[in-house]
PDB file of N, CA and C in Angstrom:
ATOM      1  N   MET A   1      18.334 -38.058 -40.262  1.00  0.00           N
ATOM      2  CA  MET A   1      17.748 -36.779 -40.615  1.00  0.00           C
ATOM      3  C   MET A   1      16.423 -36.641 -39.867  1.00  0.00           C
ATOM      4  N   ALA A   2      16.147 -35.451 -39.395  1.00  0.00           N
ATOM      5  CA  ALA A   2      14.898 -35.192 -38.687  1.00  0.00           C
ATOM      6  C   ALA A   2      13.715 -35.339 -39.643  1.00  0.00           C
ATOM      7  N   ASP A   3      12.597 -35.817 -39.119  1.00  0.00           N
ATOM      8  CA  ASP A   3      11.389 -35.982 -39.917  1.00  0.00           C
ATOM      9  C   ASP A   3      10.756 -34.620 -40.155  1.00  0.00           C
ATOM     10  N   PRO A   4      10.651 -34.154 -41.406  1.00  0.00           N
ATOM     11  CA  PRO A   4      10.093 -32.830 -41.668  1.00  0.00           C
ATOM     12  C   PRO A   4       8.612 -32.716 -41.347  1.00  0.00           C
ATOM     13  N   GLN A   5       7.939 -33.836 -41.101  1.00  0.00           N
ATOM     14  CA  GLN A   5       6.519 -33.805 -40.779  1.00  0.00           C
ATOM     15  C   GLN A   5       6.264 -33.614 -39.288  1.00  0.00           C
ATOM     16  N   VAL A   6       7.302 -33.692 -38.463  1.00  0.00           N
ATOM     17  CA  VAL A   6       7.152 -33.543 -37.020  1.00  0.00           C
ATOM     18  C   VAL A   6       7.112 -32.056 -36.676  1.00  0.00           C
ATOM     19  N   SER A   7       6.101 -31.638 -35.929  1.00  0.00           N
ATOM     20  CA  SER A   7       5.987 -30.244 -35.505  1.00  0.00           C
ATOM     21  C   SER A   7       6.117 -30.189 -33.989  1.00  0.00           C
ATOM     22  N   PRO A   8       7.301 -29.841 -33.487  1.00  0.00           N
ATOM     23  CA  PRO A   8       7.461 -29.774 -32.041  1.00  0.00           C
ATOM     24  C   PRO A   8       6.646 -28.625 -31.451  1.00  0.00           C
ATOM     25  N   THR A   9       6.219 -28.788 -30.214  1.00  0.00           N
ATOM     26  CA  THR A   9       5.513 -27.736 -29.503  1.00  0.00           C
ATOM     27  C   THR A   9       6.342 -27.348 -28.286  1.00  0.00           C
ATOM     28  N   VAL A  10       6.014 -26.211 -27.706  1.00  0.00           N
ATOM     29  CA  VAL A  10       6.750 -25.731 -26.540  1.00  0.00           C
ATOM     30  C   VAL A  10       6.713 -26.785 -25.442  1.00  0.00           C
ATOM     31  N   GLY A  11       7.865 -27.082 -24.886  1.00  0.00           N
ATOM     32  CA  GLY A  11       7.965 -28.062 -23.804  1.00  0.00           C
ATOM     33  C   GLY A  11       8.345 -29.452 -24.268  1.00  0.00           C
ATOM     34  N   ASP A  12       8.220 -29.737 -25.571  1.00  0.00           N
ATOM     35  CA  ASP A  12       8.630 -31.041 -26.089  1.00  0.00           C
ATOM     36  C   ASP A  12      10.146 -31.139 -26.093  1.00  0.00           C
ATOM     37  N   PRO A  13      10.692 -32.324 -25.835  1.00  0.00           N
ATOM     38  CA  PRO A  13      12.128 -32.484 -26.022  1.00  0.00           C
ATOM     39  C   PRO A  13      12.465 -32.322 -27.503  1.00  0.00           C
ATOM     40  N   ALA A  14      13.650 -31.839 -27.781  1.00  0.00           N
ATOM     41  CA  ALA A  14      14.070 -31.681 -29.175  1.00  0.00           C
ATOM     42  C   ALA A  14      14.142 -33.055 -29.844  1.00  0.00           C
ATOM     43  N   PRO A  15      13.757 -33.121 -31.112  1.00  0.00           N
ATOM     44  CA  PRO A  15      13.864 -34.392 -31.837  1.00  0.00           C
ATOM     45  C   PRO A  15      15.325 -34.745 -32.083  1.00  0.00           C
ATOM     46  N   ASP A  16      15.590 -35.994 -32.395  1.00  0.00           N
ATOM     47  CA  ASP A  16      16.944 -36.395 -32.785  1.00  0.00           C
ATOM     48  C   ASP A  16      17.294 -35.624 -34.046  1.00  0.00           C
ATOM     49  N   ILE A  17      18.410 -34.925 -34.017  1.00  0.00           N
ATOM     50  CA  ILE A  17      18.824 -34.133 -35.168  1.00  0.00           C
ATOM     51  C   ILE A  17      20.188 -34.617 -35.616  1.00  0.00           C
ATOM     52  N   ASP A  18      20.299 -34.947 -36.883  1.00  0.00           N
ATOM     53  CA  ASP A  18      21.552 -35.369 -37.510  1.00  0.00           C
ATOM     54  C   ASP A  18      21.479 -34.855 -38.943  1.00  0.00           C
ATOM     55  N   GLU A  19      22.098 -33.703 -39.173  1.00  0.00           N
ATOM     56  CA  GLU A  19      21.976 -33.017 -40.454  1.00  0.00           C
ATOM     57  C   GLU A  19      23.339 -32.608 -40.991  1.00  0.00           C
ATOM     58  N   PRO A  20      23.492 -32.555 -42.328  1.00  0.00           N
ATOM     59  CA  PRO A  20      24.746 -32.061 -42.899  1.00  0.00           C
ATOM     60  C   PRO A  20      24.895 -30.567 -42.616  1.00  0.00           C
ATOM     61  N   ILE A  21      26.148 -30.104 -42.488  1.00  0.00           N
ATOM     62  CA  ILE A  21      26.405 -28.680 -42.302  1.00  0.00           C
ATOM     63  C   ILE A  21      27.217 -28.158 -43.486  1.00  0.00           C
ATOM     64  N   THR A  22      27.120 -26.855 -43.720  1.00  0.00           N
ATOM     65  CA  THR A  22      27.730 -26.272 -44.919  1.00  0.00           C
ATOM     66  C   THR A  22      29.242 -26.387 -44.946  1.00  0.00           C
ATOM     67  N   GLN A  23      29.891 -26.447 -43.790  1.00  0.00           N
ATOM     68  CA  GLN A  23      31.348 -26.556 -43.750  1.00  0.00           C
ATOM     69  C   GLN A  23      31.834 -27.997 -43.938  1.00  0.00           C
ATOM     70  N   GLY A  24      30.936 -28.901 -44.181  1.00  0.00           N
ATOM     71  CA  GLY A  24      31.273 -30.318 -44.289  1.00  0.00           C
ATOM     72  C   GLY A  24      31.037 -30.979 -42.950  1.00  0.00           C
ATOM     73  N   GLY A  25      30.870 -32.252 -42.947  1.00  0.00           N
ATOM     74  CA  GLY A  25      30.576 -32.965 -41.711  1.00  0.00           C
ATOM     75  C   GLY A  25      29.088 -32.942 -41.405  1.00  0.00           C
ATOM     76  N   ARG A  26      28.780 -33.211 -40.144  1.00  0.00           N
ATOM     77  CA  ARG A  26      27.377 -33.295 -39.734  1.00  0.00           C
ATOM     78  C   ARG A  26      27.192 -32.617 -38.388  1.00  0.00           C
ATOM     79  N   PHE A  27      25.978 -32.117 -38.142  1.00  0.00           N
ATOM     80  CA  PHE A  27      25.590 -31.619 -36.827  1.00  0.00           C
ATOM     81  C   PHE A  27      24.712 -32.690 -36.215  1.00  0.00           C
ATOM     82  N   VAL A  28      25.154 -33.227 -35.078  1.00  0.00           N
ATOM     83  CA  VAL A  28      24.394 -34.256 -34.372  1.00  0.00           C
ATOM     84  C   VAL A  28      24.067 -33.686 -32.993  1.00  0.00           C
ATOM     85  N   LEU A  29      22.795 -33.439 -32.735  1.00  0.00           N
ATOM     86  CA  LEU A  29      22.400 -32.811 -31.484  1.00  0.00           C
ATOM     87  C   LEU A  29      22.850 -33.625 -30.274  1.00  0.00           C
ATOM     88  N   ALA A  30      22.792 -34.934 -30.350  1.00  0.00           N
ATOM     89  CA  ALA A  30      23.192 -35.774 -29.218  1.00  0.00           C
ATOM     90  C   ALA A  30      24.649 -35.538 -28.813  1.00  0.00           C
ATOM     91  N   GLU A  31      25.486 -35.113 -29.749  1.00  0.00           N
ATOM     92  CA  GLU A  31      26.897 -34.843 -29.440  1.00  0.00           C
ATOM     93  C   GLU A  31      27.072 -33.534 -28.672  1.00  0.00           C
ATOM     94  N   GLN A  32      26.007 -32.731 -28.578  1.00  0.00           N
ATOM     95  CA  GLN A  32      26.083 -31.452 -27.885  1.00  0.00           C
ATOM     96  C   GLN A  32      25.666 -31.553 -26.419  1.00  0.00           C
ATOM     97  N   ARG A  33      25.326 -32.738 -25.963  1.00  0.00           N
ATOM     98  CA  ARG A  33      24.881 -32.921 -24.580  1.00  0.00           C
ATOM     99  C   ARG A  33      25.918 -32.347 -23.619  1.00  0.00           C
ATOM    100  N   GLY A  34      25.460 -31.541 -22.683  1.00  0.00           N
ATOM    101  CA  GLY A  34      26.344 -30.916 -21.707  1.00  0.00           C
ATOM    102  C   GLY A  34      26.926 -29.583 -22.169  1.00  0.00           C
ATOM    103  N   LYS A  35      26.620 -29.192 -23.408  1.00  0.00           N
ATOM    104  CA  LYS A  35      27.081 -27.922 -23.960  1.00  0.00           C
ATOM    105  C   LYS A  35      25.855 -27.060 -24.267  1.00  0.00           C
ATOM    106  N   TRP A  36      26.075 -25.759 -24.404  1.00  0.00           N
ATOM    107  CA  TRP A  36      24.998 -24.888 -24.849  1.00  0.00           C
ATOM    108  C   TRP A  36      24.839 -25.040 -26.353  1.00  0.00           C
ATOM    109  N   ALA A  37      23.602 -25.169 -26.798  1.00  0.00           N
ATOM    110  CA  ALA A  37      23.310 -25.248 -28.231  1.00  0.00           C
ATOM    111  C   ALA A  37      21.978 -24.549 -28.474  1.00  0.00           C
ATOM    112  N   VAL A  38      21.903 -23.779 -29.533  1.00  0.00           N
ATOM    113  CA  VAL A  38      20.657 -23.135 -29.923  1.00  0.00           C
ATOM    114  C   VAL A  38      20.171 -23.813 -31.191  1.00  0.00           C
ATOM    115  N   VAL A  39      18.964 -24.334 -31.137  1.00  0.00           N
ATOM    116  CA  VAL A  39      18.352 -24.976 -32.297  1.00  0.00           C
ATOM    117  C   VAL A  39      17.099 -24.185 -32.615  1.00  0.00           C
ATOM    118  N   TYR A  40      17.025 -23.670 -33.812  1.00  0.00           N
ATOM    119  CA  TYR A  40      15.912 -22.816 -34.231  1.00  0.00           C
ATOM    120  C   TYR A  40      15.024 -23.603 -35.183  1.00  0.00           C
ATOM    121  N   PHE A  41      13.746 -23.700 -34.858  1.00  0.00           N
ATOM    122  CA  PHE A  41      12.776 -24.371 -35.718  1.00  0.00           C
ATOM    123  C   PHE A  41      11.960 -23.299 -36.426  1.00  0.00           C
ATOM    124  N   PHE A  42      11.757 -23.448 -37.704  1.00  0.00           N
ATOM    125  CA  PHE A  42      10.988 -22.470 -38.463  1.00  0.00           C
ATOM    126  C   PHE A  42      10.010 -23.209 -39.373  1.00  0.00           C
ATOM    127  N   PRO A  43       8.956 -22.492 -39.809  1.00  0.00           N
ATOM    128  CA  PRO A  43       7.979 -23.148 -40.699  1.00  0.00           C
ATOM    129  C   PRO A  43       8.637 -23.592 -42.007  1.00  0.00           C
ATOM    130  N   ARG A  44       8.037 -24.540 -42.621  1.00  0.00           N
ATOM    131  CA  ARG A  44       8.509 -25.024 -43.914  1.00  0.00           C
ATOM    132  C   ARG A  44       8.597 -23.859 -44.899  1.00  0.00           C
ATOM    133  N   SER A  45       9.554 -23.880 -45.779  1.00  0.00           N
ATOM    134  CA  SER A  45       9.731 -22.810 -46.758  1.00  0.00           C
ATOM    135  C   SER A  45       8.495 -22.614 -47.612  1.00  0.00           C
ATOM    136  N   ASN A  46       8.266 -21.370 -47.979  1.00  0.00           N
ATOM    137  CA  ASN A  46       7.157 -20.984 -48.860  1.00  0.00           C
ATOM    138  C   ASN A  46       5.778 -21.297 -48.288  1.00  0.00           C
ATOM    139  N   THR A  47       5.648 -21.225 -46.948  1.00  0.00           N
ATOM    140  CA  THR A  47       4.345 -21.396 -46.327  1.00  0.00           C
ATOM    141  C   THR A  47       4.061 -20.171 -45.466  1.00  0.00           C
ATOM    142  N   PRO A  48       2.814 -19.835 -45.253  1.00  0.00           N
ATOM    143  CA  PRO A  48       2.515 -18.706 -44.368  1.00  0.00           C
ATOM    144  C   PRO A  48       2.891 -19.058 -42.931  1.00  0.00           C
ATOM    145  N   GLY A  49       3.274 -18.097 -42.187  1.00  0.00           N
ATOM    146  CA  GLY A  49       3.572 -18.338 -40.782  1.00  0.00           C
ATOM    147  C   GLY A  49       4.852 -17.760 -40.394  1.00  0.00           C
TER     148      GLY A  49
END
């Protein structure tokens, strides 16, 4: 699981991502190598920004 305390900045490589998905299974960013993938980072819930 990605560390929720890590705040990526523009130009940083994406962190290792391995998260459960709603349809069951897991999303592992490393498995997407060579494919198009959109990863959206947003502020923590219930915070300004």
